[in-house]
Structure formats: C-alpha cells, structure tokens
C-alpha cells in the first residue's frame, strides 16, 4: 500500500494568503481567544487542513502496477528513465521570452563594444562587429535556458506514470482538501481538468466528492496520454467498466463559452506552455469556464511558484470580483522502500464569497513553515490575514493553554487561532526565544 505522509520543508518566504509582503519591522502582540474549539480536541481544531496520511486509491495503484508490469520488459531502464524525467521536470524553467532575449543580446553587445573601445581607439569596426556578434551568440547559447516541449508518446507516458502518478495525485488531493474543509457546502456536479495527463485530478476529485460529481471532462492534447488515463480508469482491462463513470477524455477544450464547470483544475500544465501570453490566454479561458472554483497546481519550485503568481496576478488585475485566494507550498512523502518528496504550489480562486467556518474574531494566521516545538514554547512562522509575516513564540502563559496546544499540534499549511492587535492598541516587542 502506497502512503503519503505530509511533511514540510521550509521554502523561505511566502507570497501570501493575500499578498504577503516582506517581514514588517512593526511588531504586534498576539493574544488568545476563547471558545474557538467548539468541543473539538486540540489536534482537530478548525484551522487544521493538512492530510496527515494519504493513500493512493487501491484500484488506481493496482492498475498502474499492471501497466508497468506489462511495459517493463519493453522499456529498458524504466526506473532510470523515470528518475531522469523527475530531475528534468524539477529543474525546468520557463522559456525565455523573445523580447528578453533580444534585450540581453543588446546589453551584452554594448558591454563588449565598451571594453574594446576603451583599450583600442583605432580598430577595424567591420571586423570587430563580426567578432562581437559571434561572441554574443556564443554567450547566449551558453547562458540561456533551452526550453523544449514534452511530446508524450506511449513510452514516455508510462515513464511519466512511474515517475509522477503518486506525487501528482497527492498534490492535487491536498489542494482540493482545502476547498472541502473551508467550504463544506460545495458539492460539485461538473469538473474540467485542463492538461489531464494520467487523470489524477479525476481520481482525486472523485475521492473528495464521490456522490455529487456527475460529469468529469479531461482535456489533454496527447492522444497516448488520454489512452493511458483510460486504461488506469478501467483497471488496465478494456473489457471492464470504468471504476467510476461519467469521465470523458478530449483533446480540445469545449468551444462554447456557455459551457461552464463547478470545478476547474489545471495541474502541472501551465509550465508546459512556452510563452507568457499562452499562459495568460489559458488562465483567462479556464476562468471563463469556471462558475465556482479554479485550482492551479505547479511544482513547488521557484519557477512553479512564479508561474502561479503570474497567473494569480493576471486574474486579480483583470477581475476585481475574486474574493478568496489561497496559496501554500507543500510536499508529501511516499512511504515505501525509499522516501520520495513531492513539493508543489497551488492557488485556489473562487467567484463567490466563502464562509470558512472559522471564528471571525480570530486572526487565523496560516503557518508558512514547519512548527518548531520546544520545551514549554513553540516557534510559529505565519502569514497573518493582513498579509504580514510574523514569527511568534507561542507559550501557554502568554497565549493560553488552548492556543498553545493547538499550535503545537499544527503543521505547515494549517491556520493557528490567535488574535492580532492592530495599530493604536497595545504594542510589545517582537517575541524571540
């Protein structure tokens, strides 16, 4: 049985549950609040959203093993190729825009001309210009990231499945759990998965809302990937019925602008689009297809994070009716023979105002790093609701027993129940160990 146990690895700063700014020099006193547990134990306080343990659906796991067993003898060095693909995807950067490349070439050319003219006043400009152009081209080839698009055939699809099925499922499942926990009334009937790949979004969505989902449209431009996703859904047996129904695989998005979906997801797909304008167009299209929630997931790298911030800002700058934005960096650990760490970033945007169910009298600051428990105190780095980052040392004496125990049992991504006193109220120095 494959399990995922949530772990957290510090990824530095956070661009915020709202729009986090650098650590403020203004210190704020955080005080406890009573009656927020509502009868729940501390380890299950309302701010907890983490999935402590995830199991890959048994039927999905069996189907994947069956396909790998069949294809293993045909794909030489499958394990090595899978690891190489993981390394490639993890280190991948965005394609350099043409305008940025031209500007880089001009700056380099000016720099070289300046160096030469300082040393030699009388030069053959035509010969020198040819040499400088060759030098510029050579330097650009050496320093520019060479982006190339992945084209999935049958073999690469199986390699991708061996490398990314487990981690991709865990990342999407964790992001969807944020919606499930914060908006209990949300019962989606329709799903659109853009760049569906192996169909992990459909599996994760079905695990969250098995009774309400009536239509799941999976769109991927790769025919072989759609075929592989269908094989997984049927348990690698063409004669069997799908493990869950109403899943439709397509190579193109629905054309009609009137077709909308309760839940729209794009996981690890924006990074496959070469230009910023392509990503913007895709995000706008997906937003138009959304009538409730749009979820974007990318790798938990600097590049993945920046792609999501680019997408979030694109929508926020264009549409002022977006009410709720959530972002966190997470990773999951695959507990098997070895440990596989899955770090990812996600953004959730909704068209409607959502009652999170949290006590509005609390700040409910979100943890942006692992909690560091110590003797009679616990270190919490958090993003408060005003966008400020705070490092708070929570103690039972200063913050109360309930808040202290809740903080001690929380993890990266959870929200901690504390109250922040605003400017004009009593101030205290920053709390340090």
Protein backbone atom coordinates (compact mmCIF):
# COMPACT_ATOMS: atom_id res chain seq x y z
CA UNK A 1 0.00 0.00 0.00
CA UNK A 2 1.42 3.37 -1.01
CA UNK A 3 1.03 6.04 1.65
CA UNK A 4 1.75 9.73 1.68
CA UNK A 5 2.59 11.33 4.98
CA UNK A 6 2.55 15.09 4.95
CA UNK A 7 5.90 16.65 5.71
CA UNK A 8 7.03 20.23 5.40
CA UNK A 9 10.34 21.61 4.22
CA UNK A 10 10.95 25.34 4.64
CA UNK A 11 10.84 27.11 1.30
CA UNK A 12 11.74 30.56 2.56
CA UNK A 13 9.28 33.44 2.23
CA UNK A 14 5.63 33.29 1.26
CA UNK A 15 3.90 35.46 -1.31
CA UNK A 16 0.94 35.23 0.89
CA UNK A 17 -2.55 34.09 1.56
CA UNK A 18 -3.50 37.61 0.47
CA UNK A 19 -0.37 39.24 -0.92
CA UNK A 20 2.38 38.81 1.61
CA UNK A 21 5.00 41.50 1.86
CA UNK A 22 8.45 41.30 3.46
CA UNK A 23 8.70 40.90 7.22
CA UNK A 24 7.49 44.06 8.85
CA UNK A 25 9.50 45.84 11.49
CA UNK A 26 6.21 46.62 13.20
CA UNK A 27 5.68 44.15 15.99
CA UNK A 28 2.23 43.04 17.01
CA UNK A 29 1.04 41.42 20.18
CA UNK A 30 -0.88 38.22 19.62
CA UNK A 31 -3.42 37.28 22.23
CA UNK A 32 -5.53 34.18 22.84
CA UNK A 33 -9.19 33.79 22.14
CA UNK A 34 -11.59 31.56 23.98
CA UNK A 35 -14.27 29.17 22.79
CA UNK A 36 -12.90 28.51 19.33
CA UNK A 37 -12.52 24.74 19.70
CA UNK A 38 -16.29 24.18 19.84
CA UNK A 39 -15.81 20.87 21.61
CA UNK A 40 -13.15 19.52 19.21
CA UNK A 41 -9.80 18.19 20.51
CA UNK A 42 -6.77 20.41 20.00
CA UNK A 43 -5.34 18.23 17.24
CA UNK A 44 -8.55 18.76 15.26
CA UNK A 45 -9.05 22.47 15.81
CA UNK A 46 -10.87 24.37 13.00
CA UNK A 47 -7.63 25.61 11.44
CA UNK A 48 -6.31 22.15 10.58
CA UNK A 49 -6.43 21.39 6.85
CA UNK A 50 -3.49 19.02 6.46
CA UNK A 51 -3.95 15.44 5.38
CA UNK A 52 -1.66 13.62 7.74
CA UNK A 53 -1.69 10.41 5.71
CA UNK A 54 -2.74 9.86 2.11
CA UNK A 55 -3.20 6.53 0.40
CA UNK A 56 -3.20 6.18 -3.35
CA UNK A 57 -6.60 4.67 -4.30
CA UNK A 58 -6.20 0.91 -4.31
CA UNK A 59 -7.77 0.48 -7.75
CA UNK A 60 -5.53 3.14 -9.25
CA UNK A 61 -2.48 1.56 -7.68
CA UNK A 62 -3.36 -1.92 -8.96
CA UNK A 63 -3.97 -0.60 -12.49
CA UNK A 64 -0.67 1.31 -12.53
CA UNK A 65 1.27 -1.75 -11.36
CA UNK A 66 -0.38 -3.86 -14.05
CA UNK A 67 0.57 -1.41 -16.81
CA UNK A 68 4.15 -1.06 -15.55
CA UNK A 69 4.50 -4.84 -15.30
CA UNK A 70 3.36 -5.21 -18.92
CA UNK A 71 5.57 -2.44 -20.26
CA UNK A 72 8.64 -3.00 -18.08
CA UNK A 73 10.28 -5.52 -20.40
CA UNK A 74 9.68 -3.25 -23.42
CA UNK A 75 11.13 -0.11 -21.83
CA UNK A 76 14.77 -0.70 -20.96
CA UNK A 77 15.92 1.04 -17.81
CA UNK A 78 12.44 2.24 -16.81
CA UNK A 79 13.50 3.17 -13.27
CA UNK A 80 16.47 5.20 -14.53
CA UNK A 81 14.39 6.96 -17.16
CA UNK A 82 11.72 7.76 -14.58
CA UNK A 83 14.29 9.35 -12.27
CA UNK A 84 15.81 11.31 -15.16
CA UNK A 85 12.34 12.64 -16.03
CA UNK A 86 11.76 13.69 -12.42
CA UNK A 87 15.09 15.55 -12.40
CA UNK A 88 14.26 17.20 -15.73
CA UNK A 89 10.83 18.38 -14.60
CA UNK A 90 12.13 19.58 -11.25
CA UNK A 91 14.91 21.69 -12.80
CA UNK A 92 12.76 23.00 -15.63
CA UNK A 93 12.48 26.74 -16.19
CA UNK A 94 10.20 28.90 -18.27
CA UNK A 95 11.16 29.60 -21.85
CA UNK A 96 13.00 32.90 -22.22
CA UNK A 97 10.75 35.43 -23.96
CA UNK A 98 11.96 36.77 -27.31
CA UNK A 99 11.95 40.36 -26.08
CA UNK A 100 14.03 39.49 -23.02
CA UNK A 101 16.48 37.55 -25.21
CA UNK A 102 16.90 40.49 -27.58
CA UNK A 103 17.48 42.87 -24.68
CA UNK A 104 20.05 40.53 -23.20
CA UNK A 105 21.87 40.39 -26.55
CA UNK A 106 21.88 44.20 -26.87
CA UNK A 107 23.23 44.67 -23.34
CA UNK A 108 25.97 42.12 -23.96
CA UNK A 109 26.88 43.73 -27.28
CA UNK A 110 27.17 47.18 -25.67
CA UNK A 111 29.31 45.78 -22.90
CA UNK A 112 31.72 44.14 -25.36
CA UNK A 113 31.95 47.27 -27.52
CA UNK A 114 32.69 49.34 -24.45
CA UNK A 115 35.51 47.07 -23.33
CA UNK A 116 37.13 47.03 -26.76
CA UNK A 117 36.95 50.80 -27.40
CA UNK A 118 38.49 51.51 -24.00
CA UNK A 119 41.59 49.51 -24.92
CA UNK A 120 41.88 50.22 -28.65
CA UNK A 121 40.88 53.51 -30.26
CA UNK A 122 41.79 52.58 -33.84
CA UNK A 123 40.01 49.37 -34.80
CA UNK A 124 38.51 47.83 -37.89
CA UNK A 125 34.86 48.28 -36.94
CA UNK A 126 33.50 45.85 -39.54
CA UNK A 127 35.84 43.04 -38.46
CA UNK A 128 35.25 43.85 -34.80
CA UNK A 129 31.48 43.84 -35.27
CA UNK A 130 31.61 40.32 -36.73
CA UNK A 131 33.72 39.10 -33.82
CA UNK A 132 31.43 40.71 -31.26
CA UNK A 133 28.33 39.19 -32.87
CA UNK A 134 29.93 35.73 -32.73
CA UNK A 135 30.86 36.32 -29.11
CA UNK A 136 27.32 37.44 -28.27
CA UNK A 137 25.78 34.37 -29.93
CA UNK A 138 28.23 32.07 -28.17
CA UNK A 139 27.48 33.65 -24.79
CA UNK A 140 23.72 33.47 -25.33
CA UNK A 141 23.93 29.77 -26.22
CA UNK A 142 25.96 29.14 -23.09
CA UNK A 143 23.84 31.09 -20.61
CA UNK A 144 20.27 30.84 -21.97
CA UNK A 145 17.99 28.03 -20.80
CA UNK A 146 16.99 25.90 -23.78
CA UNK A 147 13.33 25.09 -23.23
CA UNK A 148 11.77 22.25 -25.17
CA UNK A 149 8.23 20.95 -25.19
CA UNK A 150 7.48 17.45 -23.96
CA UNK A 151 5.75 15.28 -26.54
CA UNK A 152 4.15 12.29 -24.91
CA UNK A 153 4.13 9.05 -26.86
CA UNK A 154 3.20 5.67 -25.37
CA UNK A 155 6.65 5.04 -23.87
CA UNK A 156 7.07 8.49 -22.31
CA UNK A 157 3.56 8.23 -20.91
CA UNK A 158 4.44 5.06 -19.00
CA UNK A 159 7.70 6.62 -17.80
CA UNK A 160 5.77 9.67 -16.62
CA UNK A 161 3.31 7.44 -14.80
CA UNK A 162 6.11 5.62 -12.99
CA UNK A 163 7.68 8.95 -12.05
CA UNK A 164 4.73 11.22 -11.26
CA UNK A 165 1.48 9.32 -10.66
CA UNK A 166 1.83 9.14 -6.88
CA UNK A 167 3.16 12.65 -6.30
CA UNK A 168 0.75 14.27 -8.73
CA UNK A 169 -2.25 12.62 -7.06
CA UNK A 170 -1.08 13.66 -3.59
CA UNK A 171 -0.54 17.28 -4.61
CA UNK A 172 -3.97 17.67 -6.19
CA UNK A 173 -5.72 15.81 -3.38
CA UNK A 174 -4.18 18.13 -0.81
CA UNK A 175 -5.20 21.25 -2.74
CA UNK A 176 -8.78 20.02 -3.11
CA UNK A 177 -8.92 19.25 0.59
CA UNK A 178 -8.51 22.97 1.24
CA UNK A 179 -11.81 23.58 -0.55
CA UNK A 180 -13.52 20.62 1.09
CA UNK A 181 -12.51 21.80 4.56
CA UNK A 182 -13.26 25.50 4.07
CA UNK A 183 -16.45 25.20 2.02
CA UNK A 184 -18.43 22.24 3.30
CA UNK A 185 -21.49 23.23 1.28
CA UNK A 186 -19.61 22.86 -2.01
CA UNK A 187 -20.74 19.71 -3.82
CA UNK A 188 -19.54 19.99 -7.44
CA UNK A 189 -21.50 18.26 -10.16
CA UNK A 190 -19.09 19.01 -13.01
CA UNK A 191 -15.29 19.03 -13.34
CA UNK A 192 -12.95 20.25 -16.08
CA UNK A 193 -9.33 19.07 -15.94
CA UNK A 194 -7.08 21.02 -18.31
CA UNK A 195 -3.93 19.09 -19.18
CA UNK A 196 -5.34 15.98 -17.55
CA UNK A 197 -2.41 13.65 -18.26
CA UNK A 198 -2.90 10.48 -16.23
CA UNK A 199 -6.30 11.55 -14.94
CA UNK A 200 -5.13 12.04 -11.36
CA UNK A 201 -7.38 15.09 -10.94
CA UNK A 202 -10.44 12.96 -11.69
CA UNK A 203 -9.30 10.36 -9.15
CA UNK A 204 -8.60 13.00 -6.50
CA UNK A 205 -11.90 14.80 -7.15
CA UNK A 206 -13.82 11.54 -7.00
CA UNK A 207 -12.22 10.73 -3.64
CA UNK A 208 -13.43 14.11 -2.30
CA UNK A 209 -16.93 14.25 -3.83
CA UNK A 210 -17.85 10.72 -4.99
CA UNK A 211 -21.62 11.25 -4.74
CA UNK A 212 -22.07 14.66 -6.32
CA UNK A 213 -19.84 14.58 -9.42
CA UNK A 214 -21.89 13.75 -12.49
CA UNK A 215 -19.55 14.87 -15.29
CA UNK A 216 -15.75 14.96 -15.48
CA UNK A 217 -14.18 16.26 -18.67
CA UNK A 218 -10.45 15.53 -19.01
CA UNK A 219 -8.68 17.54 -21.72
CA UNK A 220 -5.17 16.65 -22.91
CA UNK A 221 -3.67 17.30 -26.33
CA UNK A 222 -1.77 13.99 -26.21
CA UNK A 223 -3.76 11.05 -27.54
CA UNK A 224 -1.42 8.45 -25.95
CA UNK A 225 -1.84 10.09 -22.53
CA UNK A 226 -5.63 10.01 -22.84
CA UNK A 227 -5.42 6.32 -23.75
CA UNK A 228 -3.21 5.62 -20.74
CA UNK A 229 -5.57 7.51 -18.43
CA UNK A 230 -8.49 5.42 -19.71
CA UNK A 231 -6.50 2.24 -19.08
CA UNK A 232 -5.94 3.32 -15.49
CA UNK A 233 -9.62 4.11 -15.07
CA UNK A 234 -10.60 0.64 -16.33
CA UNK A 235 -8.02 -1.21 -14.24
CA UNK A 236 -5.90 -1.96 -17.33
CA UNK A 237 -8.70 -4.10 -18.75
CA UNK A 238 -10.51 -2.79 -21.83
CA UNK A 239 -13.46 -5.12 -21.26
CA UNK A 240 -14.15 -3.80 -17.76
CA UNK A 241 -16.31 -0.83 -16.89
CA UNK A 242 -14.54 2.29 -15.53
CA UNK A 243 -14.10 2.34 -11.76
CA UNK A 244 -16.28 5.45 -11.75
CA UNK A 245 -18.47 6.71 -14.56
CA UNK A 246 -19.09 9.95 -16.44
CA UNK A 247 -15.42 10.61 -17.24
CA UNK A 248 -14.89 11.94 -20.77
CA UNK A 249 -11.49 12.33 -22.41
CA UNK A 250 -10.98 15.05 -25.00
CA UNK A 251 -8.06 16.62 -26.87
CA UNK A 252 -9.61 20.09 -27.01
CA UNK A 253 -11.47 22.37 -24.63
CA UNK A 254 -15.23 22.80 -25.12
CA UNK A 255 -15.65 25.59 -27.67
CA UNK A 256 -18.92 27.06 -26.46
CA UNK A 257 -18.41 29.92 -23.96
CA UNK A 258 -21.68 28.93 -22.29
CA UNK A 259 -20.24 25.61 -21.09
CA UNK A 260 -19.05 26.09 -17.52
CA UNK A 261 -17.99 23.75 -14.72
CA UNK A 262 -18.30 23.87 -10.94
CA UNK A 263 -14.65 22.96 -10.52
CA UNK A 264 -11.83 23.67 -12.99
CA UNK A 265 -8.34 22.32 -12.33
CA UNK A 266 -5.04 22.69 -14.14
CA UNK A 267 -2.24 20.65 -12.56
CA UNK A 268 1.37 20.87 -13.77
CA UNK A 269 0.17 22.20 -17.14
CA UNK A 270 0.88 25.94 -17.26
CA UNK A 271 4.60 25.18 -17.10
CA UNK A 272 4.21 23.25 -20.38
CA UNK A 273 3.10 26.38 -22.24
CA UNK A 274 6.07 28.13 -23.88
CA UNK A 275 5.16 31.82 -23.70
CA UNK A 276 3.71 34.13 -21.08
CA UNK A 277 0.92 35.14 -23.46
CA UNK A 278 0.00 31.46 -23.91
CA UNK A 279 -0.25 31.04 -20.15
CA UNK A 280 -2.33 34.21 -19.81
CA UNK A 281 -4.74 33.06 -22.52
CA UNK A 282 -5.07 29.65 -20.87
CA UNK A 283 -5.77 31.17 -17.45
CA UNK A 284 -8.41 33.54 -18.86
CA UNK A 285 -10.07 30.67 -20.72
CA UNK A 286 -10.13 28.47 -17.62
CA UNK A 287 -11.55 31.31 -15.55
CA UNK A 288 -14.36 31.79 -18.09
CA UNK A 289 -15.08 28.06 -17.82
CA UNK A 290 -15.34 28.32 -14.03
CA UNK A 291 -18.59 29.03 -12.25
CA UNK A 292 -17.26 28.32 -8.75
CA UNK A 293 -13.61 27.27 -8.15
CA UNK A 294 -10.44 27.40 -10.22
CA UNK A 295 -7.46 25.43 -8.88
CA UNK A 296 -3.95 25.78 -10.33
CA UNK A 297 -1.15 23.46 -9.22
CA UNK A 298 2.53 23.53 -10.18
CA UNK A 299 5.83 22.21 -8.88
CA UNK A 300 7.00 23.52 -5.52
CA UNK A 301 10.00 25.23 -7.10
CA UNK A 302 10.79 28.90 -7.60
CA UNK A 303 9.72 28.59 -11.23
CA UNK A 304 6.46 26.84 -10.37
CA UNK A 305 5.71 29.41 -7.69
CA UNK A 306 6.37 32.32 -10.07
CA UNK A 307 4.15 30.78 -12.75
CA UNK A 308 1.28 30.66 -10.24
CA UNK A 309 1.91 34.21 -9.04
CA UNK A 310 1.92 35.29 -12.68
CA UNK A 311 -1.45 33.57 -13.20
CA UNK A 312 -2.94 34.89 -9.96
CA UNK A 313 -1.89 38.48 -10.67
CA UNK A 314 -3.21 38.23 -14.23
CA UNK A 315 -6.68 37.40 -12.95
CA UNK A 316 -6.65 39.72 -9.96
CA UNK A 317 -5.61 42.65 -12.12
CA UNK A 318 -8.39 41.96 -14.61
CA UNK A 319 -11.24 40.83 -12.38
CA UNK A 320 -11.97 42.59 -9.12
CA UNK A 321 -14.74 40.18 -8.12
CA UNK A 322 -12.36 37.42 -6.98
CA UNK A 323 -12.83 37.17 -3.24
CA UNK A 324 -10.69 34.37 -1.96
CA UNK A 325 -7.11 33.44 -2.85
CA UNK A 326 -5.11 30.75 -1.12
CA UNK A 327 -1.51 29.77 -1.70
CA UNK A 328 0.78 27.40 0.12
CA UNK A 329 3.83 25.35 -0.61
CA UNK A 330 3.72 21.74 0.45
CA UNK A 331 5.40 18.45 -0.01
CA UNK A 332 4.39 14.86 0.51
CA UNK A 333 6.50 11.85 1.31
CA UNK A 334 5.90 8.49 -0.33
CA UNK A 335 6.50 5.85 2.33
CA UNK A 336 7.64 2.74 0.59
CA UNK A 337 11.13 1.26 0.27
CA UNK A 338 12.56 4.74 -0.18
CA UNK A 339 11.19 8.20 0.54
CA UNK A 340 10.04 10.40 -2.31
CA UNK A 341 9.43 14.07 -1.53
CA UNK A 342 6.76 15.87 -3.53
CA UNK A 343 6.80 19.66 -3.26
CA UNK A 344 4.17 21.67 -5.05
CA UNK A 345 2.50 25.09 -5.17
CA UNK A 346 -1.18 25.79 -5.62
CA UNK A 347 -3.60 28.67 -5.98
CA UNK A 348 -7.35 28.46 -5.43
CA UNK A 349 -9.64 31.20 -6.74
CA UNK A 350 -13.40 31.38 -6.42
CA UNK A 351 -16.18 33.52 -7.85
CA UNK A 352 -18.17 33.50 -4.60
CA UNK A 353 -17.57 34.69 -1.07
CA UNK A 354 -16.95 31.67 1.15
CA UNK A 355 -17.72 31.36 4.83
CA UNK A 356 -14.70 29.39 6.01
CA UNK A 357 -16.38 28.35 9.23
CA UNK A 358 -13.57 29.91 11.24
CA UNK A 359 -14.27 32.27 14.13
CA UNK A 360 -14.13 35.76 12.59
CA UNK A 361 -12.81 37.16 15.88
CA UNK A 362 -9.53 35.38 15.30
CA UNK A 363 -6.64 36.21 13.00
CA UNK A 364 -6.28 32.56 11.95
CA UNK A 365 -2.78 33.14 10.65
CA UNK A 366 -1.52 30.49 8.24
CA UNK A 367 1.70 28.62 9.03
CA UNK A 368 4.28 29.09 6.27
CA UNK A 369 6.97 26.82 7.73
CA UNK A 370 7.18 23.73 9.93
CA UNK A 371 6.25 24.33 13.56
CA UNK A 372 9.28 24.06 15.86
CA UNK A 373 8.15 22.68 19.25
CA UNK A 374 10.43 23.33 22.21
CA UNK A 375 10.10 22.93 25.97
CA UNK A 376 7.05 24.93 27.05
CA UNK A 377 7.04 27.01 23.86
CA UNK A 378 6.64 26.57 20.12
CA UNK A 379 8.03 28.64 17.23
CA UNK A 380 5.48 29.58 14.56
CA UNK A 381 6.21 31.44 11.34
CA UNK A 382 2.94 32.59 9.90
CA UNK A 383 1.21 34.78 7.35
CA UNK A 384 -1.48 36.88 9.02
CA UNK A 385 -4.72 37.95 7.38
CA UNK A 386 -3.32 41.45 6.74
CA UNK A 387 -0.54 39.98 4.58
CA UNK A 388 2.20 40.47 7.18
CA UNK A 389 4.68 37.72 8.03
CA UNK A 390 5.21 37.13 11.73
CA UNK A 391 7.50 34.92 13.80
CA UNK A 392 5.67 34.18 17.04
CA UNK A 393 6.82 32.16 20.01
CA UNK A 394 3.60 30.70 21.42
CA UNK A 395 3.60 29.83 25.14
CA UNK A 396 0.80 28.68 27.45
CA UNK A 397 1.44 31.64 29.77
CA UNK A 398 1.19 34.36 27.10
CA UNK A 399 -1.33 32.83 24.74
CA UNK A 400 -3.32 30.41 26.84
CA UNK A 401 -3.27 26.62 27.12
CA UNK A 402 -5.70 26.00 24.24
CA UNK A 403 -3.85 28.16 21.72
CA UNK A 404 -0.51 26.68 22.79
CA UNK A 405 -1.70 23.09 22.38
CA UNK A 406 -3.35 23.85 19.05
CA UNK A 407 -0.16 25.47 17.75
CA UNK A 408 1.91 22.54 18.98
CA UNK A 409 -0.28 20.04 17.10
CA UNK A 410 -0.47 22.09 13.88
CA UNK A 411 1.62 21.70 10.75
CA UNK A 412 2.75 23.76 7.76
CA UNK A 413 -0.33 24.95 5.90
CA UNK A 414 -2.68 24.87 8.89
CA UNK A 415 -4.13 28.02 10.42
CA UNK A 416 -3.39 28.89 14.02
CA UNK A 417 -6.10 30.51 16.21
CA UNK A 418 -4.62 33.77 17.50
CA UNK A 419 -5.79 37.39 17.63
CA UNK A 420 -3.63 40.21 16.33
CA UNK A 421 -3.90 43.62 17.96
CA UNK A 422 -3.84 46.31 15.31
CA UNK A 423 -2.02 49.66 15.27
CA UNK A 424 -3.18 52.01 18.01
CA UNK A 425 -3.60 49.18 20.54
CA UNK A 426 -1.04 47.94 22.99
CA UNK A 427 2.26 47.06 21.32
CA UNK A 428 5.01 44.78 22.51
CA UNK A 429 8.47 43.91 21.31
CA UNK A 430 8.87 41.02 18.87
CA UNK A 431 8.80 37.71 20.66
CA UNK A 432 12.08 35.86 20.32
CA UNK A 433 13.37 32.78 22.14
